[in-house]
């Protein structure tokens, strides 16, 4: 499992270069993308095959066969394999077959953006890509209301503006770090609330984005408890849960379950 650059092709470890030079096969998410990296490194692999989300099942069986002929290196288009990239089915299959999986660490956009973040990164969760539909996106974002640490997630250029607009509604006071084109020529790091950052992102939203959402301080959860306490018994439980989620954040289903289970201090 070989981590490759997330942008700047010089961001690769000596160990990764040596592994890519020595293996019998390189399995790549996109062979064209990987060939550019290999040419930059002066490597001509004995065998370069494609393993992506649409052929992973079939290619997993093929890689298991190739392992009998020599080591195989798995690389994604950028960063550490399996982090929002294909390869999990292969890793699991190798384990089940009694093979050896060796991680070759290196670039990660998650850790890269956290290392430059002015928002406290001690406790964080990685959320990958968020849902694209508005209702699902709102629900996913509201689920972070009670989490005290930072939330790191990816976003595509054609969805970044809509996601920031939703963040402006759900968390108007929380700060964000928005990283664009990390390690590349046009790398940009912006910090502020969603409202403050929207004009700049609207003006330039090409490239890939990694965002860090500031953690909550528990106030949302405390406010939710207060709403539950005031409305419990006055309205049907599901209506209470919907109002609590709208006023204090979080998921209405979670508030409902908390209310009917008796966990809330009512």
Protein backbone atom coordinates (compact mmCIF):
# COMPACT_ATOMS: atom_id res chain seq x y z
CA UNK A 1 0.00 0.00 0.00
CA UNK A 2 2.06 2.90 -1.33
CA UNK A 3 1.17 6.52 -0.57
CA UNK A 4 1.81 8.85 -3.50
CA UNK A 5 1.88 12.67 -3.83
CA UNK A 6 -1.37 14.60 -3.46
CA UNK A 7 -0.16 17.26 -5.89
CA UNK A 8 3.53 18.09 -5.92
CA UNK A 9 5.27 15.08 -7.48
CA UNK A 10 8.36 15.61 -5.32
CA UNK A 11 6.34 14.75 -2.20
CA UNK A 12 7.16 11.04 -2.19
CA UNK A 13 9.29 9.09 0.25
CA UNK A 14 12.50 7.29 -0.65
CA UNK A 15 10.96 4.08 0.61
CA UNK A 16 7.97 4.50 -1.72
CA UNK A 17 10.30 5.08 -4.69
CA UNK A 18 12.31 1.98 -3.84
CA UNK A 19 9.17 -0.13 -3.52
CA UNK A 20 7.77 1.06 -6.84
CA UNK A 21 11.11 0.21 -8.46
CA UNK A 22 11.24 -3.28 -7.00
CA UNK A 23 7.73 -4.75 -7.30
CA UNK A 24 6.65 -7.02 -10.11
CA UNK A 25 3.27 -5.27 -10.53
CA UNK A 26 1.79 -1.87 -9.78
CA UNK A 27 -1.99 -1.72 -9.44
CA UNK A 28 -3.18 1.84 -10.04
CA UNK A 29 -6.51 3.62 -9.76
CA UNK A 30 -5.78 5.36 -13.08
CA UNK A 31 -2.81 4.02 -15.03
CA UNK A 32 -2.46 7.26 -17.01
CA UNK A 33 -2.14 9.30 -13.83
CA UNK A 34 0.29 6.84 -12.26
CA UNK A 35 2.39 6.62 -15.42
CA UNK A 36 3.00 10.37 -15.18
CA UNK A 37 4.36 9.89 -11.65
CA UNK A 38 6.47 6.91 -12.69
CA UNK A 39 7.95 8.85 -15.60
CA UNK A 40 8.79 11.70 -13.21
CA UNK A 41 10.60 9.17 -11.00
CA UNK A 42 12.29 7.41 -13.91
CA UNK A 43 10.54 4.10 -13.21
CA UNK A 44 9.42 1.61 -15.85
CA UNK A 45 7.37 -1.05 -14.03
CA UNK A 46 7.35 -4.65 -15.33
CA UNK A 47 3.54 -4.61 -15.16
CA UNK A 48 1.06 -1.75 -14.65
CA UNK A 49 -2.60 -2.69 -14.22
CA UNK A 50 -5.78 -0.76 -13.43
CA UNK A 51 -7.77 -1.30 -10.23
CA UNK A 52 -10.60 1.15 -9.67
CA UNK A 53 -14.06 1.24 -8.14
CA UNK A 54 -15.74 -0.23 -11.23
CA UNK A 55 -13.48 -3.28 -11.62
CA UNK A 56 -12.23 -3.84 -8.07
CA UNK A 57 -14.03 -7.14 -7.57
CA UNK A 58 -12.67 -8.72 -10.74
CA UNK A 59 -9.19 -7.25 -10.35
CA UNK A 60 -8.91 -8.41 -6.75
CA UNK A 61 -8.92 -12.00 -7.97
CA UNK A 62 -6.34 -11.09 -10.62
CA UNK A 63 -4.02 -9.43 -8.08
CA UNK A 64 -4.20 -12.50 -5.85
CA UNK A 65 -2.96 -14.52 -8.83
CA UNK A 66 -0.18 -12.01 -9.54
CA UNK A 67 1.03 -12.17 -5.95
CA UNK A 68 2.23 -15.68 -6.69
CA UNK A 69 4.67 -14.14 -9.20
CA UNK A 70 5.99 -11.33 -6.98
CA UNK A 71 5.10 -8.33 -4.86
CA UNK A 72 2.29 -5.99 -5.94
CA UNK A 73 2.13 -2.28 -5.06
CA UNK A 74 -1.29 -0.63 -4.84
CA UNK A 75 -1.44 3.12 -5.46
CA UNK A 76 -4.33 5.58 -5.74
CA UNK A 77 -4.33 8.70 -7.89
CA UNK A 78 -3.20 10.77 -4.92
CA UNK A 79 -2.38 10.26 -1.27
CA UNK A 80 -2.74 7.16 0.87
CA UNK A 81 -4.67 4.22 -0.62
CA UNK A 82 -8.12 3.35 0.77
CA UNK A 83 -8.81 6.89 2.07
CA UNK A 84 -11.90 7.54 -0.08
CA UNK A 85 -10.22 5.42 -2.77
CA UNK A 86 -10.65 1.81 -3.96
CA UNK A 87 -8.60 -1.05 -2.52
CA UNK A 88 -10.40 -2.23 0.60
CA UNK A 89 -11.74 -5.37 -1.05
CA UNK A 90 -8.22 -6.22 -2.15
CA UNK A 91 -6.69 -5.64 1.28
CA UNK A 92 -9.32 -7.79 2.94
CA UNK A 93 -8.88 -10.54 0.35
CA UNK A 94 -5.09 -10.59 0.85
CA UNK A 95 -5.54 -10.89 4.60
CA UNK A 96 -8.05 -13.70 4.16
CA UNK A 97 -5.69 -15.50 1.77
CA UNK A 98 -2.90 -15.39 4.34
CA UNK A 99 -0.88 -12.81 2.45
CA UNK A 100 1.05 -9.88 3.88
CA UNK A 101 -0.14 -6.27 3.59
CA UNK A 102 2.62 -3.69 4.09
CA UNK A 103 1.72 0.02 4.48
CA UNK A 104 4.22 2.46 2.95
CA UNK A 105 3.23 5.76 4.60
CA UNK A 106 3.42 9.13 2.96
CA UNK A 107 1.25 12.07 1.84
CA UNK A 108 -2.28 12.49 3.20
CA UNK A 109 -4.44 15.51 2.44
CA UNK A 110 -6.22 15.07 5.78
CA UNK A 111 -3.03 15.39 7.84
CA UNK A 112 -1.62 18.01 5.47
CA UNK A 113 -4.51 20.39 6.05
CA UNK A 114 -4.60 19.71 9.80
CA UNK A 115 -0.89 20.49 10.10
CA UNK A 116 -1.55 24.03 8.83
CA UNK A 117 -4.83 24.58 10.66
CA UNK A 118 -5.29 27.35 13.25
CA UNK A 119 -8.32 25.40 14.50
CA UNK A 120 -7.53 22.92 17.32
CA UNK A 121 -6.65 19.59 15.60
CA UNK A 122 -6.06 17.43 18.71
CA UNK A 123 -9.38 15.61 18.41
CA UNK A 124 -10.82 15.20 14.92
CA UNK A 125 -12.97 12.95 12.79
CA UNK A 126 -12.70 12.31 9.06
CA UNK A 127 -15.99 12.36 7.17
CA UNK A 128 -14.79 11.74 3.61
CA UNK A 129 -17.09 13.15 0.92
CA UNK A 130 -20.40 14.52 2.17
CA UNK A 131 -23.76 13.74 0.48
CA UNK A 132 -24.54 15.78 -2.61
CA UNK A 133 -28.30 16.15 -2.11
CA UNK A 134 -29.36 19.06 0.09
CA UNK A 135 -31.51 17.14 2.58
CA UNK A 136 -28.90 14.44 3.11
CA UNK A 137 -26.13 17.04 3.35
CA UNK A 138 -27.98 18.98 6.04
CA UNK A 139 -28.64 15.81 8.02
CA UNK A 140 -24.99 14.77 7.82
CA UNK A 141 -23.76 18.20 8.92
CA UNK A 142 -26.25 18.36 11.78
CA UNK A 143 -24.93 15.04 13.05
CA UNK A 144 -21.67 16.82 13.97
CA UNK A 145 -23.42 19.29 16.29
CA UNK A 146 -22.37 17.56 19.49
CA UNK A 147 -18.89 16.52 18.38
CA UNK A 148 -16.29 18.63 20.24
CA UNK A 149 -13.43 18.05 17.80
CA UNK A 150 -12.73 19.24 14.27
CA UNK A 151 -14.43 17.56 11.31
CA UNK A 152 -12.33 17.06 8.17
CA UNK A 153 -14.02 16.31 4.85
CA UNK A 154 -13.47 16.49 1.11
CA UNK A 155 -15.53 18.44 -1.40
CA UNK A 156 -15.61 18.60 -5.18
CA UNK A 157 -15.30 21.95 -7.00
CA UNK A 158 -18.81 21.80 -8.44
CA UNK A 159 -20.33 21.30 -4.96
CA UNK A 160 -18.15 23.47 -2.74
CA UNK A 161 -20.33 26.59 -2.96
CA UNK A 162 -23.54 24.69 -2.11
CA UNK A 163 -21.80 23.00 0.81
CA UNK A 164 -20.57 26.32 2.21
CA UNK A 165 -24.06 27.78 1.82
CA UNK A 166 -25.44 24.87 3.85
CA UNK A 167 -22.71 25.31 6.46
CA UNK A 168 -23.68 28.98 6.69
CA UNK A 169 -27.21 27.88 7.63
CA UNK A 170 -26.31 25.02 9.99
CA UNK A 171 -23.21 26.47 11.70
CA UNK A 172 -23.20 30.24 11.08
CA UNK A 173 -20.75 30.97 13.92
CA UNK A 174 -18.25 28.14 13.48
CA UNK A 175 -14.99 28.78 11.67
CA UNK A 176 -13.68 26.74 8.78
CA UNK A 177 -10.32 26.11 7.20
CA UNK A 178 -10.75 25.64 3.46
CA UNK A 179 -7.77 24.15 1.65
CA UNK A 180 -7.69 24.17 -2.15
CA UNK A 181 -5.16 22.49 -4.44
CA UNK A 182 -2.94 21.41 -1.53
CA UNK A 183 0.80 21.18 -2.37
CA UNK A 184 0.16 22.46 -5.92
CA UNK A 185 1.12 25.73 -7.58
CA UNK A 186 -2.20 27.42 -6.71
CA UNK A 187 -2.49 26.11 -3.16
CA UNK A 188 -4.84 28.26 -1.10
CA UNK A 189 -5.72 28.18 2.61
CA UNK A 190 -8.64 30.27 3.84
CA UNK A 191 -9.96 30.63 7.41
CA UNK A 192 -13.24 32.13 8.55
CA UNK A 193 -16.94 31.44 8.88
CA UNK A 194 -18.83 30.10 5.89
CA UNK A 195 -20.34 33.55 5.35
CA UNK A 196 -16.90 35.17 5.31
CA UNK A 197 -15.40 32.60 2.94
CA UNK A 198 -18.22 32.28 0.40
CA UNK A 199 -17.29 35.36 -1.71
CA UNK A 200 -13.71 34.14 -2.17
CA UNK A 201 -14.74 30.57 -2.95
CA UNK A 202 -17.42 31.69 -5.39
CA UNK A 203 -14.76 33.69 -7.21
CA UNK A 204 -12.39 30.73 -7.50
CA UNK A 205 -13.61 27.19 -6.91
CA UNK A 206 -11.55 25.14 -9.33
CA UNK A 207 -9.52 22.26 -7.95
CA UNK A 208 -10.01 19.83 -5.09
CA UNK A 209 -11.02 21.01 -1.62
CA UNK A 210 -10.30 19.76 1.89
CA UNK A 211 -12.23 21.45 4.69
CA UNK A 212 -11.84 21.54 8.46
CA UNK A 213 -14.95 22.46 10.45
CA UNK A 214 -14.30 23.85 13.91
CA UNK A 215 -15.48 21.62 16.74
CA UNK A 216 -18.44 22.48 18.93
CA UNK A 217 -18.10 23.53 22.56
CA UNK A 218 -21.03 21.46 23.80
CA UNK A 219 -23.38 24.43 23.76
CA UNK A 220 -25.48 22.88 21.03
CA UNK A 221 -26.08 19.75 23.07
CA UNK A 222 -26.87 21.76 26.22
CA UNK A 223 -29.29 23.94 24.28
CA UNK A 224 -30.93 20.83 22.88
CA UNK A 225 -31.41 19.40 26.35
CA UNK A 226 -33.07 22.65 27.41
CA UNK A 227 -35.46 22.56 24.44
CA UNK A 228 -36.39 18.95 25.16
CA UNK A 229 -37.05 19.77 28.80
CA UNK A 230 -39.33 22.69 27.91
CA UNK A 231 -41.33 20.96 25.18
CA UNK A 232 -41.58 17.40 26.51
CA UNK A 233 -45.22 16.63 27.26
CA UNK A 234 -46.48 19.71 25.47
CA UNK A 235 -46.05 18.39 21.93
CA UNK A 236 -45.76 14.95 20.31
CA UNK A 237 -42.22 13.50 20.69
CA UNK A 238 -41.40 13.57 16.99
CA UNK A 239 -42.40 17.21 16.73
CA UNK A 240 -40.28 18.02 19.78
CA UNK A 241 -37.33 16.25 18.16
CA UNK A 242 -37.73 18.19 14.90
CA UNK A 243 -37.90 21.53 16.73
CA UNK A 244 -34.86 20.65 18.86
CA UNK A 245 -32.80 19.72 15.80
CA UNK A 246 -33.82 22.95 14.05
CA UNK A 247 -32.96 25.15 17.05
CA UNK A 248 -29.93 23.40 18.53
CA UNK A 249 -28.56 21.33 15.65
CA UNK A 250 -28.04 17.61 15.51
CA UNK A 251 -30.17 14.85 14.06
CA UNK A 252 -33.91 14.85 14.85
CA UNK A 253 -33.93 11.04 15.05
CA UNK A 254 -31.21 11.11 17.72
CA UNK A 255 -33.12 13.71 19.74
CA UNK A 256 -36.29 11.64 19.39
CA UNK A 257 -34.57 8.48 20.59
CA UNK A 258 -33.07 10.41 23.49
CA UNK A 259 -36.47 11.75 24.45
CA UNK A 260 -38.43 8.49 24.32
CA UNK A 261 -35.65 6.49 26.00
CA UNK A 262 -35.76 8.81 29.01
CA UNK A 263 -32.07 9.83 28.63
CA UNK A 264 -32.97 13.50 28.44
CA UNK A 265 -33.27 15.32 31.73
CA UNK A 266 -36.95 16.10 31.49
